[in-house]
Amino acid sequence: MTDEESDTYEEPLQIPELFYEMGARMKKYSLWFWITLGVAVVFGGIALVASIIGGIVQEDWSLFLMIGALSLFGLVMSCIGLLSLIIYWQYMTSVKDIRDATSDPVFEKVYQYLLIGFILQFVGLSIVTFILNILIFIELENWALKMEKLLPTPEMKNISEGYKWMKIGTAVSICCGLAIFVMPVAYSKVGNAYMAEYNSSKFGGFGVTQPYPL
């Protein structure tokens, strides 16, 4: 094989790079969540103001306020839902890559949960997806706690705490929609920690400075 032919093949990502990539995607999810929410609130607010003006003109406050509130809620949830599906797929791809690179049964189980949850999103069984997400974050929190014992760094502590808050936020959001705001905060915390661990003095802790723990 010539040098030119060999250059056409990309080197596979190493384990630390895969975790860094997953962290970057989690951080991106958090950022775009807030951007999407902000845009949706602005346009929903415009609809609400228009409803109030309509209520003044038509002298029927209750009807127009209800329409405005429903418009705001529908727009926000539609935008967040579409964004979540896109990022969900990207996150699932990262988990699959880590599973293939490490052969870790934890990530095999997490990937299966994610795949089932993604499919269920399209058949309206969101409550089952919530439950699967709780199981996912329990698995990942336990994994992070084990990694924290092997790599006692502030970054690993942030990762385990972030997964804990994802678990709590998902559980509470089943009963309270406001808890959805916990998720992007937790995603950002874990994403930043993965990226910081990659760049820290213990560079490559995920499988380079020591064997990846199974």
N, C-alpha and C. Protein backbone atom coordinates (compact mmCIF):
# COMPACT_ATOMS: atom_id res chain seq x y z
N MET A 1 0.86 -1.20 0.00
CA MET A 1 0.00 0.00 0.00
C MET A 1 0.88 1.24 0.00
N THR A 2 0.60 2.18 -0.88
CA THR A 2 1.39 3.40 -0.98
C THR A 2 1.02 4.36 0.14
N ASP A 3 1.92 5.39 0.31
CA ASP A 3 1.66 6.39 1.34
C ASP A 3 0.39 7.14 1.05
N GLU A 4 0.12 7.39 -0.24
CA GLU A 4 -1.09 8.14 -0.60
C GLU A 4 -2.34 7.36 -0.25
N GLU A 5 -2.29 6.01 -0.47
CA GLU A 5 -3.45 5.19 -0.15
C GLU A 5 -3.67 5.13 1.36
N SER A 6 -2.55 5.03 2.12
CA SER A 6 -2.70 4.93 3.56
C SER A 6 -3.24 6.23 4.15
N ASP A 7 -2.97 7.35 3.50
CA ASP A 7 -3.44 8.63 4.01
C ASP A 7 -4.95 8.80 3.88
N THR A 8 -5.56 7.95 3.07
CA THR A 8 -7.01 8.08 2.88
C THR A 8 -7.79 7.49 4.05
N TYR A 9 -7.11 6.75 4.92
CA TYR A 9 -7.78 6.13 6.05
C TYR A 9 -7.53 6.97 7.30
N GLU A 10 -8.60 7.28 8.02
CA GLU A 10 -8.46 8.06 9.24
C GLU A 10 -8.10 7.15 10.41
N GLU A 11 -7.25 7.67 11.28
CA GLU A 11 -6.90 6.93 12.49
C GLU A 11 -8.11 6.87 13.41
N PRO A 12 -8.42 5.69 13.98
CA PRO A 12 -9.56 5.61 14.91
C PRO A 12 -9.29 6.43 16.16
N LEU A 13 -10.35 7.01 16.70
CA LEU A 13 -10.20 7.80 17.92
C LEU A 13 -9.83 6.90 19.10
N GLN A 14 -8.95 7.39 19.95
CA GLN A 14 -8.58 6.66 21.15
C GLN A 14 -9.62 6.91 22.24
N ILE A 15 -9.54 6.11 23.30
CA ILE A 15 -10.54 6.18 24.37
C ILE A 15 -10.66 7.59 24.97
N PRO A 16 -9.55 8.26 25.32
CA PRO A 16 -9.69 9.61 25.88
C PRO A 16 -10.38 10.57 24.91
N GLU A 17 -10.07 10.44 23.61
CA GLU A 17 -10.68 11.33 22.62
C GLU A 17 -12.18 11.07 22.49
N LEU A 18 -12.58 9.81 22.64
CA LEU A 18 -14.00 9.48 22.57
C LEU A 18 -14.77 10.10 23.73
N PHE A 19 -14.19 10.05 24.92
CA PHE A 19 -14.84 10.68 26.07
C PHE A 19 -14.86 12.20 25.92
N TYR A 20 -13.80 12.75 25.38
CA TYR A 20 -13.75 14.20 25.14
C TYR A 20 -14.84 14.59 24.14
N GLU A 21 -14.99 13.79 23.09
CA GLU A 21 -16.02 14.06 22.08
C GLU A 21 -17.41 14.00 22.69
N MET A 22 -17.65 12.99 23.56
CA MET A 22 -18.95 12.90 24.20
C MET A 22 -19.18 14.10 25.11
N GLY A 23 -18.14 14.52 25.83
CA GLY A 23 -18.27 15.70 26.68
C GLY A 23 -18.61 16.94 25.88
N ALA A 24 -17.96 17.10 24.72
CA ALA A 24 -18.23 18.26 23.87
C ALA A 24 -19.68 18.26 23.39
N ARG A 25 -20.20 17.09 23.07
CA ARG A 25 -21.59 17.00 22.61
C ARG A 25 -22.57 17.31 23.74
N MET A 26 -22.25 16.86 24.95
CA MET A 26 -23.11 17.15 26.09
C MET A 26 -23.12 18.65 26.38
N LYS A 27 -21.94 19.26 26.28
CA LYS A 27 -21.85 20.70 26.50
C LYS A 27 -22.63 21.45 25.42
N LYS A 28 -22.57 20.95 24.18
CA LYS A 28 -23.30 21.59 23.08
C LYS A 28 -24.80 21.47 23.30
N TYR A 29 -25.24 20.32 23.83
CA TYR A 29 -26.66 20.15 24.12
C TYR A 29 -27.13 21.20 25.11
N SER A 30 -26.33 21.41 26.17
CA SER A 30 -26.70 22.39 27.19
C SER A 30 -26.80 23.79 26.59
N LEU A 31 -25.80 24.15 25.77
CA LEU A 31 -25.78 25.48 25.16
C LEU A 31 -26.99 25.70 24.27
N TRP A 32 -27.25 24.75 23.38
CA TRP A 32 -28.35 24.91 22.43
C TRP A 32 -29.71 24.80 23.10
N PHE A 33 -29.77 24.11 24.22
CA PHE A 33 -31.02 24.09 24.98
C PHE A 33 -31.40 25.50 25.39
N TRP A 34 -30.43 26.24 25.97
CA TRP A 34 -30.72 27.60 26.43
C TRP A 34 -30.99 28.55 25.27
N ILE A 35 -30.27 28.39 24.17
CA ILE A 35 -30.51 29.24 22.99
C ILE A 35 -31.91 28.99 22.44
N THR A 36 -32.27 27.71 22.29
CA THR A 36 -33.59 27.36 21.76
C THR A 36 -34.69 27.85 22.69
N LEU A 37 -34.48 27.65 23.97
CA LEU A 37 -35.48 28.09 24.93
C LEU A 37 -35.65 29.61 24.88
N GLY A 38 -34.54 30.34 24.77
CA GLY A 38 -34.62 31.79 24.71
C GLY A 38 -35.37 32.28 23.49
N VAL A 39 -35.07 31.69 22.33
CA VAL A 39 -35.77 32.07 21.09
C VAL A 39 -37.25 31.75 21.19
N ALA A 40 -37.56 30.55 21.72
CA ALA A 40 -38.95 30.14 21.85
C ALA A 40 -39.72 31.07 22.79
N VAL A 41 -39.08 31.47 23.88
CA VAL A 41 -39.74 32.36 24.84
C VAL A 41 -40.00 33.73 24.21
N VAL A 42 -39.03 34.22 23.42
CA VAL A 42 -39.21 35.52 22.76
C VAL A 42 -40.42 35.50 21.83
N PHE A 43 -40.47 34.48 20.95
CA PHE A 43 -41.58 34.40 20.01
C PHE A 43 -42.89 34.08 20.73
N GLY A 44 -42.79 33.23 21.78
CA GLY A 44 -43.99 32.96 22.56
C GLY A 44 -44.48 34.20 23.28
N GLY A 45 -43.53 35.03 23.75
CA GLY A 45 -43.90 36.29 24.40
C GLY A 45 -44.59 37.24 23.45
N ILE A 46 -44.11 37.26 22.20
CA ILE A 46 -44.77 38.10 21.19
C ILE A 46 -46.21 37.64 20.99
N ALA A 47 -46.40 36.30 20.94
CA ALA A 47 -47.76 35.77 20.79
C ALA A 47 -48.62 36.12 21.99
N LEU A 48 -48.02 36.10 23.18
CA LEU A 48 -48.77 36.43 24.39
C LEU A 48 -49.19 37.90 24.40
N VAL A 49 -48.26 38.78 24.00
CA VAL A 49 -48.59 40.21 23.93
C VAL A 49 -49.70 40.44 22.93
N ALA A 50 -49.59 39.76 21.79
CA ALA A 50 -50.64 39.90 20.77
C ALA A 50 -51.99 39.44 21.32
N SER A 51 -51.96 38.38 22.13
CA SER A 51 -53.20 37.88 22.74
C SER A 51 -53.79 38.89 23.72
N ILE A 52 -52.91 39.53 24.48
CA ILE A 52 -53.38 40.53 25.45
C ILE A 52 -54.02 41.71 24.72
N ILE A 53 -53.35 42.14 23.64
CA ILE A 53 -53.91 43.24 22.85
C ILE A 53 -55.27 42.84 22.27
N GLY A 54 -55.33 41.59 21.79
CA GLY A 54 -56.61 41.10 21.27
C GLY A 54 -57.67 41.06 22.34
N GLY A 55 -57.24 40.69 23.57
CA GLY A 55 -58.20 40.66 24.67
C GLY A 55 -58.74 42.04 25.00
N ILE A 56 -57.85 43.04 24.93
CA ILE A 56 -58.29 44.41 25.20
C ILE A 56 -59.29 44.87 24.15
N VAL A 57 -58.96 44.56 22.90
CA VAL A 57 -59.83 45.01 21.80
C VAL A 57 -61.17 44.29 21.85
N GLN A 58 -61.12 42.98 22.08
CA GLN A 58 -62.34 42.16 22.03
C GLN A 58 -63.04 42.07 23.39
N GLU A 59 -62.39 42.58 24.44
CA GLU A 59 -62.93 42.52 25.79
C GLU A 59 -63.23 41.09 26.25
N ASP A 60 -62.32 40.19 25.90
CA ASP A 60 -62.47 38.79 26.32
C ASP A 60 -61.08 38.29 26.74
N TRP A 61 -60.68 38.66 27.94
CA TRP A 61 -59.34 38.37 28.42
C TRP A 61 -59.04 36.88 28.53
N SER A 62 -59.95 36.14 29.10
CA SER A 62 -59.66 34.75 29.42
C SER A 62 -59.32 33.94 28.17
N LEU A 63 -60.09 34.12 27.10
CA LEU A 63 -59.89 33.35 25.88
C LEU A 63 -58.53 33.67 25.26
N PHE A 64 -58.22 34.94 25.11
CA PHE A 64 -56.98 35.32 24.44
C PHE A 64 -55.75 35.01 25.29
N LEU A 65 -55.88 35.14 26.61
CA LEU A 65 -54.76 34.78 27.46
C LEU A 65 -54.48 33.28 27.39
N MET A 66 -55.54 32.49 27.32
CA MET A 66 -55.37 31.04 27.22
C MET A 66 -54.69 30.68 25.91
N ILE A 67 -55.12 31.32 24.82
CA ILE A 67 -54.51 31.06 23.51
C ILE A 67 -53.03 31.44 23.53
N GLY A 68 -52.73 32.59 24.12
CA GLY A 68 -51.35 33.04 24.19
C GLY A 68 -50.48 32.11 25.01
N ALA A 69 -50.99 31.67 26.15
CA ALA A 69 -50.23 30.77 27.02
C ALA A 69 -49.99 29.43 26.34
N LEU A 70 -51.02 28.91 25.67
CA LEU A 70 -50.87 27.64 24.96
C LEU A 70 -49.88 27.76 23.81
N SER A 71 -49.90 28.90 23.14
CA SER A 71 -48.95 29.13 22.04
C SER A 71 -47.52 29.14 22.56
N LEU A 72 -47.32 29.82 23.68
CA LEU A 72 -45.99 29.88 24.28
C LEU A 72 -45.52 28.49 24.69
N PHE A 73 -46.37 27.76 25.39
CA PHE A 73 -46.01 26.43 25.85
C PHE A 73 -45.73 25.49 24.69
N GLY A 74 -46.60 25.52 23.67
CA GLY A 74 -46.43 24.64 22.52
C GLY A 74 -45.16 24.93 21.74
N LEU A 75 -44.84 26.22 21.58
CA LEU A 75 -43.65 26.59 20.83
C LEU A 75 -42.38 26.17 21.58
N VAL A 76 -42.36 26.43 22.87
CA VAL A 76 -41.19 26.06 23.67
C VAL A 76 -40.97 24.55 23.64
N MET A 77 -42.00 23.78 23.89
CA MET A 77 -41.86 22.33 23.96
C MET A 77 -41.54 21.72 22.61
N SER A 78 -42.08 22.29 21.52
CA SER A 78 -41.77 21.78 20.19
C SER A 78 -40.31 21.98 19.84
N CYS A 79 -39.80 23.17 20.13
CA CYS A 79 -38.39 23.47 19.84
C CYS A 79 -37.46 22.59 20.67
N ILE A 80 -37.75 22.47 21.95
CA ILE A 80 -36.91 21.67 22.83
C ILE A 80 -36.99 20.19 22.43
N GLY A 81 -38.18 19.73 22.07
CA GLY A 81 -38.35 18.34 21.67
C GLY A 81 -37.55 17.99 20.42
N LEU A 82 -37.59 18.86 19.41
CA LEU A 82 -36.84 18.62 18.18
C LEU A 82 -35.34 18.63 18.46
N LEU A 83 -34.89 19.61 19.23
CA LEU A 83 -33.48 19.69 19.57
C LEU A 83 -33.03 18.46 20.35
N SER A 84 -33.85 18.02 21.27
CA SER A 84 -33.50 16.87 22.11
C SER A 84 -33.30 15.61 21.27
N LEU A 85 -34.16 15.41 20.26
CA LEU A 85 -34.03 14.23 19.41
C LEU A 85 -32.70 14.24 18.65
N ILE A 86 -32.32 15.42 18.15
CA ILE A 86 -31.07 15.53 17.39
C ILE A 86 -29.87 15.23 18.28
N ILE A 87 -29.84 15.90 19.45
CA ILE A 87 -28.72 15.70 20.36
C ILE A 87 -28.74 14.30 20.95
N TYR A 88 -29.93 13.76 21.17
CA TYR A 88 -30.07 12.40 21.70
C TYR A 88 -29.37 11.40 20.78
N TRP A 89 -29.57 11.58 19.47
CA TRP A 89 -28.97 10.68 18.49
C TRP A 89 -27.44 10.81 18.50
N GLN A 90 -26.96 12.04 18.59
CA GLN A 90 -25.51 12.26 18.63
C GLN A 90 -24.90 11.66 19.89
N TYR A 91 -25.60 11.83 21.02
CA TYR A 91 -25.11 11.29 22.28
C TYR A 91 -25.08 9.76 22.22
N MET A 92 -26.11 9.18 21.62
CA MET A 92 -26.18 7.73 21.49
C MET A 92 -25.03 7.21 20.62
N THR A 93 -24.66 7.97 19.59
CA THR A 93 -23.54 7.59 18.74
C THR A 93 -22.23 7.59 19.52
N SER A 94 -22.05 8.59 20.38
CA SER A 94 -20.85 8.65 21.22
C SER A 94 -20.78 7.46 22.18
N VAL A 95 -21.90 7.12 22.78
CA VAL A 95 -21.93 5.98 23.70
C VAL A 95 -21.59 4.69 22.95
N LYS A 96 -22.10 4.56 21.73
CA LYS A 96 -21.80 3.37 20.92
C LYS A 96 -20.31 3.28 20.62
N ASP A 97 -19.69 4.41 20.27
CA ASP A 97 -18.26 4.41 19.96
C ASP A 97 -17.44 4.02 21.19
N ILE A 98 -17.84 4.53 22.37
CA ILE A 98 -17.13 4.18 23.60
C ILE A 98 -17.33 2.70 23.93
N ARG A 99 -18.53 2.22 23.72
CA ARG A 99 -18.81 0.80 23.94
C ARG A 99 -17.91 -0.08 23.07
N ASP A 100 -17.79 0.28 21.79
CA ASP A 100 -16.98 -0.51 20.87
C ASP A 100 -15.50 -0.45 21.23
N ALA A 101 -15.04 0.72 21.71
CA ALA A 101 -13.62 0.88 22.02
C ALA A 101 -13.22 0.22 23.33
N THR A 102 -14.13 0.20 24.30
CA THR A 102 -13.78 -0.29 25.64
C THR A 102 -14.31 -1.68 25.95
N SER A 103 -15.34 -2.11 25.21
CA SER A 103 -16.03 -3.38 25.51
C SER A 103 -16.57 -3.39 26.93
N ASP A 104 -16.89 -2.21 27.45
CA ASP A 104 -17.41 -2.07 28.81
C ASP A 104 -18.89 -2.43 28.82
N PRO A 105 -19.29 -3.41 29.64
CA PRO A 105 -20.71 -3.82 29.68
C PRO A 105 -21.63 -2.69 30.13
N VAL A 106 -21.12 -1.73 30.91
CA VAL A 106 -21.95 -0.60 31.33
C VAL A 106 -22.41 0.19 30.12
N PHE A 107 -21.50 0.48 29.21
CA PHE A 107 -21.86 1.27 28.03
C PHE A 107 -22.66 0.45 27.02
N GLU A 108 -22.51 -0.87 27.05
CA GLU A 108 -23.37 -1.73 26.24
C GLU A 108 -24.81 -1.62 26.72
N LYS A 109 -24.99 -1.68 28.03
CA LYS A 109 -26.33 -1.58 28.61
C LYS A 109 -26.91 -0.19 28.36
N VAL A 110 -26.10 0.86 28.56
CA VAL A 110 -26.56 2.23 28.36
C VAL A 110 -26.98 2.44 26.91
N TYR A 111 -26.20 1.91 25.96
CA TYR A 111 -26.53 2.06 24.55
C TYR A 111 -27.86 1.38 24.22
N GLN A 112 -28.09 0.21 24.78
CA GLN A 112 -29.36 -0.49 24.55
C GLN A 112 -30.54 0.32 25.09
N TYR A 113 -30.38 0.89 26.28
CA TYR A 113 -31.44 1.73 26.85
C TYR A 113 -31.71 2.94 25.96
N LEU A 114 -30.62 3.56 25.48
CA LEU A 114 -30.77 4.75 24.63
C LEU A 114 -31.48 4.41 23.33
N LEU A 115 -31.12 3.28 22.73
CA LEU A 115 -31.74 2.88 21.47
C LEU A 115 -33.23 2.62 21.65
N ILE A 116 -33.58 1.91 22.72
CA ILE A 116 -35.00 1.65 22.99
C ILE A 116 -35.74 2.96 23.23
N GLY A 117 -35.13 3.85 24.02
CA GLY A 117 -35.77 5.14 24.31
C GLY A 117 -35.96 5.98 23.06
N PHE A 118 -34.98 5.95 22.15
CA PHE A 118 -35.09 6.72 20.91
C PHE A 118 -36.25 6.21 20.07
N ILE A 119 -36.40 4.90 19.99
CA ILE A 119 -37.51 4.31 19.22
C ILE A 119 -38.85 4.67 19.86
N LEU A 120 -38.92 4.60 21.18
CA LEU A 120 -40.18 4.87 21.88
C LEU A 120 -40.62 6.33 21.75
N GLN A 121 -39.65 7.24 21.49
CA GLN A 121 -40.00 8.64 21.30
C GLN A 121 -41.00 8.81 20.15
N PHE A 122 -40.91 7.94 19.15
CA PHE A 122 -41.74 8.08 17.95
C PHE A 122 -43.09 7.38 18.07
N VAL A 123 -43.29 6.64 19.14
CA VAL A 123 -44.59 5.99 19.32
C VAL A 123 -45.33 6.56 20.52
N GLY A 124 -44.83 7.67 21.05
CA GLY A 124 -45.56 8.38 22.09
C GLY A 124 -45.43 7.82 23.49
N LEU A 125 -44.48 6.91 23.71
CA LEU A 125 -44.33 6.33 25.05
C LEU A 125 -43.22 7.07 25.81
N SER A 126 -43.42 8.36 25.98
CA SER A 126 -42.39 9.20 26.60
C SER A 126 -42.14 8.80 28.05
N ILE A 127 -43.18 8.36 28.74
CA ILE A 127 -43.02 8.00 30.15
C ILE A 127 -42.04 6.85 30.30
N VAL A 128 -42.06 5.90 29.33
CA VAL A 128 -41.12 4.78 29.37
C VAL A 128 -39.70 5.28 29.13
N THR A 129 -39.57 6.26 28.23
CA THR A 129 -38.26 6.85 27.95
C THR A 129 -37.71 7.53 29.19
N PHE A 130 -38.57 8.21 29.95
CA PHE A 130 -38.14 8.82 31.21
C PHE A 130 -37.56 7.76 32.15
N ILE A 131 -38.26 6.65 32.26
CA ILE A 131 -37.81 5.58 33.15
C ILE A 131 -36.48 5.00 32.68
N LEU A 132 -36.35 4.81 31.36
CA LEU A 132 -35.09 4.32 30.80
C LEU A 132 -33.95 5.29 31.08
N ASN A 133 -34.23 6.58 30.98
CA ASN A 133 -33.20 7.58 31.25
C ASN A 133 -32.73 7.53 32.70
N ILE A 134 -33.67 7.29 33.61
CA ILE A 134 -33.30 7.15 35.02
C ILE A 134 -32.35 5.96 35.18
N LEU A 135 -32.67 4.83 34.52
CA LEU A 135 -31.80 3.66 34.60
C LEU A 135 -30.43 3.94 34.00
N ILE A 136 -30.42 4.70 32.89
CA ILE A 136 -29.16 5.07 32.25
C ILE A 136 -28.28 5.87 33.19
N PHE A 137 -28.87 6.88 33.84
CA PHE A 137 -28.07 7.75 34.70
C PHE A 137 -27.64 7.03 35.98
N ILE A 138 -28.42 6.05 36.43
CA ILE A 138 -28.00 5.24 37.58
C ILE A 138 -26.75 4.43 37.20
N GLU A 139 -26.79 3.80 36.00
CA GLU A 139 -25.65 3.02 35.54
C GLU A 139 -24.40 3.90 35.40
N LEU A 140 -24.58 5.08 34.77
CA LEU A 140 -23.44 5.96 34.53
C LEU A 140 -22.91 6.58 35.82
N GLU A 141 -23.80 6.85 36.77
CA GLU A 141 -23.35 7.38 38.06
C GLU A 141 -22.50 6.33 38.79
N ASN A 142 -22.96 5.08 38.78
CA ASN A 142 -22.21 4.01 39.44
C ASN A 142 -20.85 3.82 38.76
N TRP A 143 -20.85 3.88 37.42
CA TRP A 143 -19.59 3.77 36.68
C TRP A 143 -18.65 4.92 37.04
N ALA A 144 -19.18 6.14 37.11
CA ALA A 144 -18.36 7.31 37.41
C ALA A 144 -17.80 7.23 38.83
N LEU A 145 -18.57 6.69 39.77
CA LEU A 145 -18.09 6.55 41.14
C LEU A 145 -16.93 5.57 41.21
N LYS A 146 -17.00 4.49 40.42
CA LYS A 146 -15.89 3.53 40.37
C LYS A 146 -14.65 4.19 39.75
N MET A 147 -14.87 4.96 38.66
CA MET A 147 -13.76 5.64 38.02
C MET A 147 -13.14 6.68 38.95
N GLU A 148 -13.99 7.30 39.80
CA GLU A 148 -13.52 8.33 40.72
C GLU A 148 -12.54 7.73 41.74
N LYS A 149 -12.74 6.46 42.11
CA LYS A 149 -11.82 5.81 43.04
C LYS A 149 -10.47 5.57 42.38
N LEU A 150 -10.49 5.29 41.06
CA LEU A 150 -9.25 5.06 40.33
C LEU A 150 -8.58 6.36 39.91
N LEU A 151 -9.40 7.36 39.61
CA LEU A 151 -8.91 8.68 39.21
C LEU A 151 -9.52 9.73 40.13
N PRO A 152 -8.99 9.92 41.31
CA PRO A 152 -9.59 10.86 42.28
C PRO A 152 -9.29 12.31 41.91
N THR A 153 -9.84 12.74 40.79
CA THR A 153 -9.64 14.12 40.34
C THR A 153 -10.93 14.92 40.51
N PRO A 154 -10.82 16.24 40.58
CA PRO A 154 -12.05 17.07 40.67
C PRO A 154 -12.97 16.85 39.47
N GLU A 155 -12.36 16.58 38.30
CA GLU A 155 -13.17 16.37 37.10
C GLU A 155 -14.04 15.13 37.23
N MET A 156 -13.45 14.04 37.72
CA MET A 156 -14.24 12.82 37.87
C MET A 156 -15.34 13.01 38.91
N LYS A 157 -15.07 13.78 39.94
CA LYS A 157 -16.10 14.06 40.95
C LYS A 157 -17.26 14.83 40.32
N ASN A 158 -16.93 15.79 39.43
CA ASN A 158 -17.98 16.54 38.73
C ASN A 158 -18.80 15.65 37.83
N ILE A 159 -18.14 14.67 37.20
CA ILE A 159 -18.86 13.75 36.32
C ILE A 159 -19.86 12.92 37.11
N SER A 160 -19.43 12.36 38.24
CA SER A 160 -20.34 11.53 39.05
C SER A 160 -21.48 12.38 39.62
N GLU A 161 -21.17 13.61 40.06
CA GLU A 161 -22.22 14.48 40.59
C GLU A 161 -23.17 14.91 39.48
N GLY A 162 -22.63 15.15 38.29
CA GLY A 162 -23.49 15.54 37.17
C GLY A 162 -24.48 14.45 36.81
N TYR A 163 -24.01 13.20 36.78
CA TYR A 163 -24.92 12.09 36.48
C TYR A 163 -25.96 11.93 37.59
N LYS A 164 -25.55 12.20 38.83
CA LYS A 164 -26.51 12.12 39.93
C LYS A 164 -27.64 13.13 39.73
N TRP A 165 -27.29 14.36 39.33
CA TRP A 165 -28.32 15.38 39.12
C TRP A 165 -29.16 15.10 37.87
N MET A 166 -28.57 14.45 36.88
CA MET A 166 -29.38 14.03 35.73
C MET A 166 -30.43 13.01 36.17
N LYS A 167 -30.01 12.08 37.01
CA LYS A 167 -30.94 11.07 37.54
C LYS A 167 -32.05 11.74 38.32
N ILE A 168 -31.69 12.67 39.22
CA ILE A 168 -32.69 13.36 40.03
C ILE A 168 -33.59 14.22 39.17
N GLY A 169 -32.98 14.96 38.23
CA GLY A 169 -33.76 15.85 37.37
C GLY A 169 -34.76 15.09 36.52
N THR A 170 -34.34 13.93 35.99
CA THR A 170 -35.26 13.11 35.18
C THR A 170 -36.39 12.56 36.01
N ALA A 171 -36.06 12.08 37.23
CA ALA A 171 -37.10 11.52 38.09
C ALA A 171 -38.13 12.57 38.48
N VAL A 172 -37.65 13.76 38.83
CA VAL A 172 -38.56 14.82 39.26
C VAL A 172 -39.36 15.38 38.09
N SER A 173 -38.73 15.40 36.89
CA SER A 173 -39.41 15.99 35.73
C SER A 173 -40.63 15.19 35.30
N ILE A 174 -40.72 13.93 35.72
CA ILE A 174 -41.92 13.16 35.44
C ILE A 174 -43.13 13.80 36.10
N CYS A 175 -42.90 14.38 37.27
CA CYS A 175 -43.99 15.01 38.02
C CYS A 175 -44.00 16.53 37.89
N CYS A 176 -42.87 17.12 37.55
CA CYS A 176 -42.78 18.58 37.52
C CYS A 176 -41.97 19.02 36.32
N GLY A 177 -42.63 19.66 35.36
CA GLY A 177 -41.97 20.09 34.13
C GLY A 177 -40.85 21.07 34.35
N LEU A 178 -40.88 21.82 35.47
CA LEU A 178 -39.83 22.80 35.72
C LEU A 178 -38.47 22.14 35.92
N ALA A 179 -38.47 20.88 36.30
CA ALA A 179 -37.21 20.20 36.55
C ALA A 179 -36.42 19.96 35.27
N ILE A 180 -37.03 20.23 34.12
CA ILE A 180 -36.32 20.07 32.85
C ILE A 180 -35.10 20.98 32.80
N PHE A 181 -35.13 22.08 33.58
CA PHE A 181 -34.00 23.01 33.58
C PHE A 181 -32.79 22.40 34.28
N VAL A 182 -33.00 21.37 35.11
CA VAL A 182 -31.88 20.72 35.76
C VAL A 182 -31.02 19.98 34.75
N MET A 183 -31.64 19.44 33.70
CA MET A 183 -30.93 18.59 32.76
C MET A 183 -29.83 19.31 32.00
N PRO A 184 -30.09 20.46 31.35
CA PRO A 184 -28.99 21.11 30.62
C PRO A 184 -27.86 21.56 31.54
N VAL A 185 -28.20 21.93 32.79
CA VAL A 185 -27.16 22.30 33.75
C VAL A 185 -26.27 21.10 34.05
N ALA A 186 -26.90 19.94 34.27
CA ALA A 186 -26.14 18.72 34.57
C ALA A 186 -25.34 18.27 33.36
N TYR A 187 -25.93 18.36 32.16
CA TYR A 187 -25.21 17.99 30.93
C TYR A 187 -23.96 18.85 30.77
N SER A 188 -24.11 20.15 31.03
CA SER A 188 -22.98 21.07 30.91
C SER A 188 -21.89 20.71 31.92
N LYS A 189 -22.30 20.36 33.14
CA LYS A 189 -21.35 20.01 34.19
C LYS A 189 -20.54 18.78 33.79
N VAL A 190 -21.23 17.73 33.33
CA VAL A 190 -20.54 16.51 32.95
C VAL A 190 -19.69 16.73 31.70
N GLY A 191 -20.25 17.45 30.70
CA GLY A 191 -19.51 17.71 29.47
C GLY A 191 -18.22 18.46 29.73
N ASN A 192 -18.28 19.51 30.54
CA ASN A 192 -17.08 20.28 30.88
C ASN A 192 -16.06 19.41 31.62
N ALA A 193 -16.57 18.54 32.50
CA ALA A 193 -15.67 17.69 33.27
C ALA A 193 -14.95 16.67 32.39
N TYR A 194 -15.67 16.07 31.43
CA TYR A 194 -15.03 15.14 30.49
C TYR A 194 -13.92 15.85 29.72
N MET A 195 -14.20 17.05 29.24
CA MET A 195 -13.22 17.80 28.46
C MET A 195 -12.05 18.23 29.34
N ALA A 196 -12.33 18.62 30.59
CA ALA A 196 -11.27 19.03 31.50
C ALA A 196 -10.39 17.84 31.88
N GLU A 197 -10.99 16.68 32.08
CA GLU A 197 -10.22 15.48 32.40
C GLU A 197 -9.27 15.14 31.26
N TYR A 198 -9.74 15.32 30.05
CA TYR A 198 -8.91 15.06 28.86
C TYR A 198 -7.70 16.00 28.83
N ASN A 199 -7.90 17.25 29.25
CA ASN A 199 -6.85 18.26 29.18
C ASN A 199 -6.06 18.41 30.48
N SER A 200 -6.40 17.63 31.50
CA SER A 200 -5.78 17.82 32.82
C SER A 200 -4.39 17.21 32.87
N SER A 201 -3.73 17.39 34.01
CA SER A 201 -2.38 16.84 34.19
C SER A 201 -2.41 15.32 34.16
N LYS A 202 -3.56 14.71 34.47
CA LYS A 202 -3.71 13.26 34.38
C LYS A 202 -4.27 12.91 33.01
N PHE A 203 -3.67 13.49 31.99
CA PHE A 203 -4.15 13.35 30.61
C PHE A 203 -4.36 11.88 30.25
N GLY A 204 -5.51 11.61 29.67
CA GLY A 204 -5.77 10.27 29.20
C GLY A 204 -6.10 9.29 30.29
N GLY A 205 -6.65 9.77 31.40
CA GLY A 205 -6.99 8.87 32.49
C GLY A 205 -7.91 7.75 32.07
N PHE A 206 -8.75 8.01 31.06
CA PHE A 206 -9.67 6.99 30.57
C PHE A 206 -8.92 6.02 29.64
N GLY A 207 -8.06 5.19 30.20
CA GLY A 207 -7.53 4.11 29.40
C GLY A 207 -6.15 4.33 28.83
N VAL A 208 -5.42 5.37 29.25
CA VAL A 208 -4.08 5.58 28.72
C VAL A 208 -3.03 5.45 29.82
N THR A 209 -3.18 6.25 30.90
CA THR A 209 -2.22 6.17 31.99
C THR A 209 -2.36 4.87 32.78
N GLN A 210 -3.50 4.21 32.62
CA GLN A 210 -3.72 2.93 33.25
C GLN A 210 -4.74 2.17 32.42
N PRO A 211 -4.79 0.83 32.54
CA PRO A 211 -5.77 0.07 31.76
C PRO A 211 -7.19 0.51 32.04
N TYR A 212 -8.01 0.52 31.00
CA TYR A 212 -9.42 0.90 31.20
C TYR A 212 -10.10 -0.14 32.08
N PRO A 213 -10.74 0.25 33.19
CA PRO A 213 -11.34 -0.72 34.12
C PRO A 213 -12.63 -1.31 33.57
N LEU A 214 -12.72 -2.61 33.57
CA LEU A 214 -13.94 -3.28 33.13
C LEU A 214 -14.78 -3.61 34.35
